[in-house]
Protein backbone atom coordinates (compact mmCIF):
# COMPACT_ATOMS: atom_id res chain seq x y z
CA MET A 1 170.51 9.85 54.28
CA ALA A 2 174.21 10.67 54.55
CA ALA A 3 176.58 10.29 51.61
CA PRO A 4 178.86 7.21 51.68
CA LYS A 5 182.42 7.69 52.97
CA CYS A 6 185.06 8.19 50.28
CA LYS A 7 188.78 7.75 50.85
CA ILE A 8 189.54 9.84 47.76
CA LYS A 9 189.35 13.60 48.31
CA LYS A 10 189.47 16.69 46.10
CA ASN A 11 193.03 17.64 44.97
CA ASP A 12 194.33 14.07 45.53
CA LEU A 13 196.70 12.62 42.97
CA VAL A 14 195.12 9.40 41.65
CA MET A 15 195.95 6.71 39.11
CA VAL A 16 193.35 5.02 36.92
CA VAL A 17 193.64 1.24 37.45
CA SER A 18 191.09 -0.02 34.91
CA GLY A 19 189.35 1.06 31.76
CA ARG A 20 190.29 3.04 28.69
CA ASP A 21 192.62 5.43 30.57
CA ARG A 22 194.40 2.73 32.64
CA GLY A 23 197.85 3.85 33.88
CA LYS A 24 197.20 7.60 33.62
CA THR A 25 197.52 9.83 36.66
CA GLY A 26 195.74 13.08 37.41
CA LYS A 27 194.40 15.38 40.09
CA VAL A 28 190.83 14.99 41.38
CA THR A 29 188.83 18.13 40.60
CA LYS A 30 185.48 17.00 42.03
CA VAL A 31 184.13 14.13 44.16
CA LEU A 32 180.51 13.00 43.80
CA PRO A 33 180.06 10.77 46.89
CA LYS A 34 176.36 9.94 46.36
CA GLU A 35 177.06 8.59 42.88
CA ARG A 36 180.44 7.06 43.97
CA ARG A 37 182.19 8.93 41.14
CA VAL A 38 185.11 11.34 40.73
CA ILE A 39 186.12 13.81 38.04
CA VAL A 40 189.86 13.71 37.29
CA GLU A 41 191.76 16.40 35.41
CA ARG A 42 192.41 15.44 31.73
CA ILE A 43 191.08 11.85 32.23
CA ASN A 44 187.96 10.29 30.66
CA LEU A 45 187.53 13.08 28.11
CA VAL A 46 184.27 13.13 26.13
CA LYS A 47 183.08 15.40 23.34
CA ARG A 48 179.98 17.51 23.88
CA HIS A 49 178.14 19.51 21.23
CA LEU A 50 177.24 23.01 22.45
CA LYS A 51 174.64 25.34 21.02
CA PRO A 52 175.64 29.00 20.74
CA ARG A 53 174.19 31.10 23.59
CA SER A 54 173.49 34.85 23.78
CA GLY A 55 176.24 36.02 21.45
CA THR A 56 179.11 35.64 23.95
CA GLN A 57 179.47 31.86 23.88
CA ALA A 58 180.24 30.25 20.53
CA GLY A 59 178.82 26.88 19.65
CA GLY A 60 180.85 23.85 18.61
CA ILE A 61 182.35 20.63 19.87
CA VAL A 62 183.96 20.85 23.32
CA GLU A 63 186.06 18.23 25.12
CA LYS A 64 185.33 17.92 28.84
CA GLU A 65 186.00 15.48 31.68
CA ALA A 66 183.26 12.98 32.47
CA PRO A 67 182.78 11.38 35.89
CA LEU A 68 184.67 8.15 36.50
CA SER A 69 183.72 5.38 38.94
CA ILE A 70 185.58 5.70 42.23
CA GLY A 71 186.42 1.99 42.04
CA LYS A 72 188.52 2.60 38.92
CA VAL A 73 190.95 4.96 40.64
CA MET A 74 193.44 4.55 43.48
CA ALA A 75 195.34 7.17 45.46
CA PHE A 76 198.86 7.65 44.08
CA CYS A 77 201.77 7.81 46.54
CA GLU A 78 204.67 9.86 45.19
CA ARG A 79 207.14 8.21 47.59
CA CYS A 80 206.18 4.66 46.46
CA ASN A 81 205.58 5.90 42.88
CA ALA A 82 202.62 3.52 42.70
CA PRO A 83 198.86 3.39 43.29
CA VAL A 84 198.18 2.53 46.94
CA ARG A 85 195.38 1.83 49.37
CA VAL A 86 194.53 4.50 51.91
CA GLY A 87 194.70 3.89 55.65
CA TYR A 88 194.15 6.12 58.66
CA LYS A 89 196.32 6.93 61.67
CA THR A 90 195.23 8.87 64.75
CA GLY A 91 197.80 11.29 66.16
CA ALA A 92 198.47 12.12 69.79
CA ASP A 93 196.14 15.12 69.55
CA GLN A 94 193.28 12.90 68.24
CA THR A 95 193.59 14.10 64.63
CA LYS A 96 192.89 11.53 61.95
CA THR A 97 195.29 11.58 58.98
CA ARG A 98 195.25 9.57 55.76
CA VAL A 99 198.35 7.46 55.16
CA CYS A 100 199.76 5.19 52.44
CA ARG A 101 199.27 1.54 53.39
CA ARG A 102 202.50 0.57 51.61
CA CYS A 103 205.07 2.98 53.11
CA GLY A 104 203.17 4.81 55.86
CA GLU A 105 203.72 8.26 54.29
CA THR A 106 201.01 10.87 54.90
CA LEU A 107 198.79 11.53 51.86
CA GLU A 108 198.28 15.29 51.81
CA SER A 109 195.71 17.01 49.62
CA SER A 110 197.79 19.84 48.19
């Protein structure tokens, strides 16, 4: 079975629209389409306790990003300076590009 379609891609700038981190923006580092979740840089931080391993890695408490539901984030348009819905436009050469529904600006994954 194919993974569901996601309008949010890796390296997109997104804004959290609900939950503990509401209003924060960050870059998507990983998309998990089967679970409908995304991992966003410096958002939804959790503490994990690590056991020391083979002398090189020290043990302790580490903060890391946890997956966040894709429904809690929206693509962030820098031109509108607001979270926006994503639309699609087909160019003359049949290429499909993602665009901001508010202003029509192309949403590039940088």
